[in-house]
């Protein structure tokens, strides 16, 4: 009995090029955040302006009093100097770069540690799978999206933190699972687990002094970007491409499924439109709270003025406080700083 001379196709997964990227960008991001915190503490120089500082033996790197900053960090004035998100300066001072720089600043040691541990847990796995270019863009653009939504809703306080970008990575993980649904085993369990983790972290964002709008904006940006950056080819395309020489497949498979292409196009359009509209509204000085009566429940800020109060009045109050601070800071008087919102990522799970 003659044996067939035509070779059989290679099963998917055995000959698939499973390239693993060496994760260097995420550790570099962590180092950059730590360096920025050290520089911020150097600029802060607590002993020069305060009678009592925490860990005074650290010299100019010592921390602000607990009553001002319980996270072991600098004053809000120092964070403003370093590039914290301040809507007044973005709109009136044309300092749009603060929408980016605020993502590299942190309110204190505890804030920095929580965010950097989360970044290592989430980011390294994503960089190994998709490479530094895609994950780097996902991180930076998500951080920008989080800052943008925060600026539209929280206009009387300053905001810092990397958690908008971190939530973008979480959002990217969710959309990657959806768009590559067919290649996963135990996909339903993975989906439910990821949704629960995201929901819990967004719920924790309602706690006082947490910028949940940065979380939401970062998550939405990352979710849309995941459909664009984290798309994987389907099974049949790999089997077809890496089949033995002489094997003729029964049907030619396209690289991506139709629903993947549709999600790619829709997500890209929504992302570009959302960021563009958000920037236009922000630069026109629009307070989104005036157009959404219930949105303030998504992020609790005890020091925030009522939404009905005109934004310009809030900025005038802020200018008076800054002027008062500058007048008395040189006299050695211990003073209160402007209220600070920490865009922190409170997450102890391995996301």
Protein backbone atom coordinates (compact mmCIF):
# COMPACT_ATOMS: atom_id res chain seq x y z
CA UNK A 1 0.00 0.00 0.00
CA UNK A 2 1.55 3.24 -1.14
CA UNK A 3 1.88 5.98 1.43
CA UNK A 4 0.76 9.51 0.66
CA UNK A 5 3.62 11.77 -0.38
CA UNK A 6 1.92 15.02 0.60
CA UNK A 7 3.06 16.28 4.03
CA UNK A 8 0.55 17.05 6.73
CA UNK A 9 0.14 20.56 8.08
CA UNK A 10 2.03 21.59 11.17
CA UNK A 11 -0.25 21.83 14.22
CA UNK A 12 -0.66 25.37 15.46
CA UNK A 13 1.56 26.19 18.37
CA UNK A 14 4.34 23.71 17.66
CA UNK A 15 5.96 25.70 14.90
CA UNK A 16 4.56 29.09 15.78
CA UNK A 17 7.29 31.71 16.25
CA UNK A 18 6.66 32.52 19.91
CA UNK A 19 9.08 35.40 20.22
CA UNK A 20 9.48 36.77 23.71
CA UNK A 21 10.67 40.34 23.95
CA UNK A 22 13.26 41.28 26.53
CA UNK A 23 11.44 43.68 28.92
CA UNK A 24 13.65 46.73 29.33
CA UNK A 25 11.24 49.64 28.81
CA UNK A 26 9.00 49.00 31.82
CA UNK A 27 11.98 48.80 34.23
CA UNK A 28 13.25 52.01 32.59
CA UNK A 29 9.87 53.63 33.29
CA UNK A 30 10.15 52.57 36.93
CA UNK A 31 13.65 54.05 37.19
CA UNK A 32 12.46 57.27 35.55
CA UNK A 33 9.62 57.63 38.07
CA UNK A 34 11.99 57.03 40.99
CA UNK A 35 14.48 59.57 39.62
CA UNK A 36 11.72 62.14 39.17
CA UNK A 37 10.61 61.61 42.77
CA UNK A 38 14.17 62.12 44.03
CA UNK A 39 14.51 65.31 41.98
CA UNK A 40 11.15 66.53 43.31
CA UNK A 41 12.28 65.96 46.89
CA UNK A 42 15.51 67.83 46.16
CA UNK A 43 13.53 70.78 44.80
CA UNK A 44 11.11 70.59 47.74
CA UNK A 45 13.83 71.15 50.38
CA UNK A 46 11.51 70.88 53.38
CA UNK A 47 13.98 72.14 56.05
CA UNK A 48 14.30 75.47 54.24
CA UNK A 49 10.59 76.30 54.49
CA UNK A 50 9.29 74.27 57.44
CA UNK A 51 10.16 74.08 61.11
CA UNK A 52 9.18 70.42 61.38
CA UNK A 53 9.94 67.83 58.71
CA UNK A 54 9.75 64.03 58.75
CA UNK A 55 13.12 62.23 58.62
CA UNK A 56 14.97 65.52 58.94
CA UNK A 57 18.30 63.67 58.93
CA UNK A 58 17.79 63.30 55.16
CA UNK A 59 18.43 67.01 54.80
CA UNK A 60 16.71 68.63 51.84
CA UNK A 61 15.29 65.21 50.93
CA UNK A 62 13.23 65.04 54.14
CA UNK A 63 9.44 64.81 53.89
CA UNK A 64 6.64 67.26 54.52
CA UNK A 65 4.74 67.08 57.84
CA UNK A 66 2.12 64.33 58.04
CA UNK A 67 -0.72 66.83 58.38
CA UNK A 68 0.14 68.19 54.94
CA UNK A 69 1.24 65.03 53.15
CA UNK A 70 0.59 61.67 54.87
CA UNK A 71 2.21 59.76 51.98
CA UNK A 72 5.78 60.85 52.86
CA UNK A 73 6.44 63.24 50.04
CA UNK A 74 6.83 66.85 48.90
CA UNK A 75 4.49 69.81 49.12
CA UNK A 76 1.91 70.53 46.45
CA UNK A 77 3.82 73.72 45.59
CA UNK A 78 6.90 71.64 44.70
CA UNK A 79 4.78 69.29 42.61
CA UNK A 80 3.38 72.29 40.75
CA UNK A 81 6.91 73.44 39.98
CA UNK A 82 7.82 70.00 38.67
CA UNK A 83 4.85 69.73 36.31
CA UNK A 84 1.78 68.55 38.21
CA UNK A 85 -1.54 68.78 36.40
CA UNK A 86 -2.92 72.24 37.12
CA UNK A 87 -5.86 73.18 34.88
CA UNK A 88 -5.31 76.90 35.38
CA UNK A 89 -1.75 76.64 34.08
CA UNK A 90 -2.78 74.39 31.20
CA UNK A 91 -5.54 76.71 29.99
CA UNK A 92 -4.35 80.19 31.00
CA UNK A 93 -0.62 79.51 30.90
CA UNK A 94 -0.67 77.35 27.75
CA UNK A 95 1.25 74.61 29.59
CA UNK A 96 -0.29 71.60 27.90
CA UNK A 97 2.84 69.57 28.61
CA UNK A 98 1.53 69.14 32.16
CA UNK A 99 -0.92 66.56 30.81
CA UNK A 100 2.14 64.36 30.23
CA UNK A 101 4.54 65.34 33.01
CA UNK A 102 2.01 64.78 35.80
CA UNK A 103 2.10 61.05 35.03
CA UNK A 104 5.76 60.91 36.05
CA UNK A 105 5.30 62.59 39.43
CA UNK A 106 4.12 61.07 42.71
CA UNK A 107 2.77 62.48 45.92
CA UNK A 108 4.90 60.40 48.26
CA UNK A 109 6.86 57.23 48.94
CA UNK A 110 3.74 55.12 49.52
CA UNK A 111 2.15 56.46 46.34
CA UNK A 112 5.31 55.72 44.34
CA UNK A 113 5.74 52.19 45.70
CA UNK A 114 2.12 51.18 45.03
CA UNK A 115 2.22 52.41 41.44
CA UNK A 116 5.67 51.05 40.58
CA UNK A 117 4.94 47.57 41.97
CA UNK A 118 1.74 47.49 39.92
CA UNK A 119 3.61 48.70 36.85
CA UNK A 120 6.16 45.90 37.16
CA UNK A 121 3.49 43.23 37.64
CA UNK A 122 1.35 44.36 34.69
CA UNK A 123 3.83 45.94 32.35
CA UNK A 124 6.59 43.35 32.16
CA UNK A 125 4.23 40.59 30.99
CA UNK A 126 2.73 42.85 28.34
CA UNK A 127 6.14 43.97 27.11
CA UNK A 128 7.31 40.37 26.86
CA UNK A 129 4.30 39.52 24.70
CA UNK A 130 3.96 42.63 22.51
CA UNK A 131 7.27 44.49 22.63
CA UNK A 132 8.43 47.83 23.94
CA UNK A 133 7.02 50.01 21.14
CA UNK A 134 3.38 48.95 21.51
CA UNK A 135 3.43 48.83 25.32
CA UNK A 136 5.31 52.13 25.54
CA UNK A 137 2.76 53.89 23.35
CA UNK A 138 -0.08 52.23 25.26
CA UNK A 139 1.34 53.51 28.55
CA UNK A 140 2.05 57.09 27.45
CA UNK A 141 -1.17 57.66 25.49
CA UNK A 142 -3.30 56.15 28.27
CA UNK A 143 -1.63 58.44 30.78
CA UNK A 144 -2.44 61.40 28.57
CA UNK A 145 -6.07 60.27 28.24
CA UNK A 146 -6.36 59.94 32.00
CA UNK A 147 -4.92 63.41 32.55
CA UNK A 148 -7.29 64.87 29.99
CA UNK A 149 -10.43 63.47 31.62
CA UNK A 150 -9.15 64.48 35.04
CA UNK A 151 -8.57 68.04 33.85
CA UNK A 152 -12.12 68.28 32.49
CA UNK A 153 -13.71 67.28 35.80
CA UNK A 154 -11.24 68.28 38.55
CA UNK A 155 -10.30 71.91 38.01
CA UNK A 156 -9.79 73.25 41.52
CA UNK A 157 -6.99 70.88 42.57
CA UNK A 158 -3.71 69.60 41.20
CA UNK A 159 -3.18 65.95 40.33
CA UNK A 160 -0.16 63.65 39.96
CA UNK A 161 0.45 59.94 39.54
CA UNK A 162 1.04 57.13 37.06
CA UNK A 163 -2.16 55.24 37.77
CA UNK A 164 -3.98 56.66 34.73
CA UNK A 165 -1.34 54.94 32.58
CA UNK A 166 -1.58 51.82 34.76
CA UNK A 167 -5.31 51.61 34.23
CA UNK A 168 -4.57 51.99 30.53
CA UNK A 169 -2.49 48.81 30.69
CA UNK A 170 -5.40 47.09 32.44
CA UNK A 171 -7.79 48.32 29.77
CA UNK A 172 -5.41 47.07 27.09
CA UNK A 173 -5.33 43.63 28.73
CA UNK A 174 -9.13 43.48 28.63
CA UNK A 175 -9.45 44.49 24.97
CA UNK A 176 -6.60 42.14 24.04
CA UNK A 177 -8.56 39.28 25.58
CA UNK A 178 -11.68 40.28 23.65
CA UNK A 179 -10.08 40.82 20.25
CA UNK A 180 -8.01 37.61 20.51
CA UNK A 181 -10.85 35.64 22.06
CA UNK A 182 -10.46 32.51 19.92
CA UNK A 183 -6.87 31.72 20.92
CA UNK A 184 -7.41 31.57 24.68
CA UNK A 185 -8.26 28.57 26.82
CA UNK A 186 -10.46 29.20 29.89
CA UNK A 187 -11.34 32.53 28.28
CA UNK A 188 -14.55 33.07 30.27
CA UNK A 189 -12.77 32.61 33.61
CA UNK A 190 -9.97 34.95 32.50
CA UNK A 191 -12.50 37.55 31.36
CA UNK A 192 -14.49 37.45 34.61
CA UNK A 193 -11.32 37.64 36.71
CA UNK A 194 -10.00 40.64 34.80
CA UNK A 195 -13.35 42.46 34.91
CA UNK A 196 -13.59 41.93 38.69
CA UNK A 197 -10.06 43.26 39.23
CA UNK A 198 -10.81 46.36 37.16
CA UNK A 199 -14.16 46.95 38.88
CA UNK A 200 -12.64 46.66 42.36
CA UNK A 201 -9.87 49.13 41.53
CA UNK A 202 -12.28 51.63 40.01
CA UNK A 203 -14.47 51.29 43.12
CA UNK A 204 -11.45 52.04 45.33
CA UNK A 205 -11.01 55.19 43.28
CA UNK A 206 -14.09 56.66 45.00
CA UNK A 207 -12.06 56.99 48.21
CA UNK A 208 -11.18 60.56 49.22
CA UNK A 209 -8.23 62.28 47.53
CA UNK A 210 -8.01 59.68 44.75
CA UNK A 211 -8.31 61.00 41.21
CA UNK A 212 -10.71 58.41 39.83
CA UNK A 213 -11.29 60.43 36.66
CA UNK A 214 -7.64 59.81 35.74
CA UNK A 215 -8.27 56.10 36.33
CA UNK A 216 -11.38 56.09 34.14
CA UNK A 217 -9.81 58.15 31.37
CA UNK A 218 -6.69 56.00 31.34
CA UNK A 219 -8.74 52.80 31.31
CA UNK A 220 -10.94 53.93 28.40
CA UNK A 221 -7.91 55.07 26.39
CA UNK A 222 -6.07 51.82 27.04
CA UNK A 223 -9.15 49.75 26.26
CA UNK A 224 -9.47 51.36 22.82
CA UNK A 225 -5.73 51.20 22.17
CA UNK A 226 -5.68 47.49 23.00
CA UNK A 227 -7.84 46.76 19.96
CA UNK A 228 -5.32 48.69 17.84
CA UNK A 229 -1.94 47.64 19.27
CA UNK A 230 -2.51 44.21 20.84
CA UNK A 231 -4.26 42.35 18.01
CA UNK A 232 -2.94 38.84 17.24
CA UNK A 233 -3.19 36.86 13.98
CA UNK A 234 -5.64 33.94 13.93
CA UNK A 235 -4.70 30.26 14.18
CA UNK A 236 -5.21 29.32 10.53
CA UNK A 237 -2.91 32.05 9.26
CA UNK A 238 0.02 30.75 11.33
CA UNK A 239 -0.58 27.13 10.29
CA UNK A 240 -0.77 28.20 6.67
CA UNK A 241 2.32 30.39 6.82
CA UNK A 242 4.52 27.83 8.58
CA UNK A 243 3.26 24.70 6.80
CA UNK A 244 5.88 22.35 5.23
CA UNK A 245 6.99 22.96 1.66
CA UNK A 246 4.58 21.41 -0.79
CA UNK A 247 1.56 21.46 1.51
CA UNK A 248 -1.47 23.08 -0.10
CA UNK A 249 -4.07 24.31 2.42
CA UNK A 250 -7.73 23.63 1.80
CA UNK A 251 -8.52 27.34 2.08
CA UNK A 252 -6.46 30.50 2.34
CA UNK A 253 -6.77 32.14 5.73
CA UNK A 254 -6.51 35.88 6.23
CA UNK A 255 -4.22 37.19 8.95
CA UNK A 256 -7.00 38.76 11.01
CA UNK A 257 -10.66 37.95 11.43
CA UNK A 258 -13.34 40.35 10.21
CA UNK A 259 -14.42 41.29 13.73
CA UNK A 260 -10.80 42.09 14.63
CA UNK A 261 -10.51 44.49 11.71
CA UNK A 262 -13.85 46.10 12.58
CA UNK A 263 -12.81 46.62 16.22
CA UNK A 264 -9.48 48.05 15.07
CA UNK A 265 -11.15 50.67 12.87
CA UNK A 266 -13.91 51.60 15.34
CA UNK A 267 -11.52 51.88 18.29
CA UNK A 268 -9.05 54.05 16.39
CA UNK A 269 -11.81 56.43 15.29
CA UNK A 270 -13.29 56.66 18.80
CA UNK A 271 -9.86 57.24 20.37
CA UNK A 272 -8.83 60.03 17.99
CA UNK A 273 -12.26 61.68 18.24
CA UNK A 274 -12.34 61.43 22.03
CA UNK A 275 -8.87 62.89 22.59
CA UNK A 276 -9.46 65.66 20.05
CA UNK A 277 -12.82 66.69 21.50
CA UNK A 278 -11.42 66.51 25.02
CA UNK A 279 -8.51 68.81 24.17
CA UNK A 280 -10.80 71.33 22.47
CA UNK A 281 -13.14 71.42 25.48
CA UNK A 282 -10.25 71.74 27.93
CA UNK A 283 -8.55 74.59 26.08
CA UNK A 284 -11.89 76.41 25.94
CA UNK A 285 -12.09 76.19 29.73
CA UNK A 286 -15.15 73.93 29.83
CA UNK A 287 -16.04 72.42 33.20
CA UNK A 288 -17.50 69.01 32.42
CA UNK A 289 -19.28 68.92 35.80
CA UNK A 290 -21.68 71.56 34.51
CA UNK A 291 -22.82 69.15 31.78
CA UNK A 292 -22.94 66.00 33.92
CA UNK A 293 -24.82 66.37 37.20
CA UNK A 294 -23.96 62.88 38.51
CA UNK A 295 -20.33 62.55 37.43
CA UNK A 296 -19.00 63.99 40.69
CA UNK A 297 -20.04 60.75 42.40
CA UNK A 298 -17.32 58.94 40.45
CA UNK A 299 -14.53 60.70 42.31
CA UNK A 300 -14.81 62.08 45.85
CA UNK A 301 -12.85 65.21 46.77
CA UNK A 302 -13.67 66.83 50.13
CA UNK A 303 -11.96 70.10 49.20
CA UNK A 304 -13.62 70.43 45.80
CA UNK A 305 -15.96 73.34 45.28
CA UNK A 306 -19.55 72.66 44.13
CA UNK A 307 -19.91 72.11 40.41
CA UNK A 308 -22.18 75.14 40.14
CA UNK A 309 -19.37 77.47 41.22
CA UNK A 310 -17.81 79.22 38.27
CA UNK A 311 -14.36 77.86 37.44
CA UNK A 312 -12.89 81.33 37.15
CA UNK A 313 -13.86 82.02 40.76
CA UNK A 314 -12.06 78.85 41.82
CA UNK A 315 -8.94 79.97 40.00
CA UNK A 316 -9.12 83.41 41.66
CA UNK A 317 -9.29 81.73 45.07
CA UNK A 318 -6.31 79.59 44.12
CA UNK A 319 -4.31 82.65 43.04
CA UNK A 320 -5.02 84.34 46.38
CA UNK A 321 -3.82 81.25 48.28
CA UNK A 322 -0.65 81.06 46.19
CA UNK A 323 0.03 84.77 46.78
CA UNK A 324 -0.55 84.29 50.52
CA UNK A 325 1.83 81.35 50.56
CA UNK A 326 4.57 83.26 48.72
CA UNK A 327 4.21 86.22 51.05
CA UNK A 328 4.80 84.23 54.22
CA UNK A 329 7.07 81.41 53.05
CA UNK A 330 10.22 83.50 53.43
CA UNK A 331 9.39 84.42 57.01
CA UNK A 332 9.69 80.84 58.30
CA UNK A 333 5.97 80.58 59.12
CA UNK A 334 4.58 77.06 58.83
CA UNK A 335 1.81 77.24 56.27
CA UNK A 336 -0.81 75.08 54.60
CA UNK A 337 -0.31 74.06 50.99
CA UNK A 338 -2.98 73.92 48.34
CA UNK A 339 -5.09 70.76 48.42
CA UNK A 340 -3.56 67.87 46.51
CA UNK A 341 -5.32 64.99 44.77
CA UNK A 342 -3.23 61.85 44.58
CA UNK A 343 -4.02 59.88 41.40
CA UNK A 344 -3.04 56.71 43.20
CA UNK A 345 -3.51 53.13 42.14
CA UNK A 346 -4.66 51.19 45.22
CA UNK A 347 -4.16 47.64 44.06
CA UNK A 348 -2.66 44.68 45.78
CA UNK A 349 -3.58 42.11 43.14
CA UNK A 350 -1.35 40.64 40.49
CA UNK A 351 -2.96 42.40 37.59
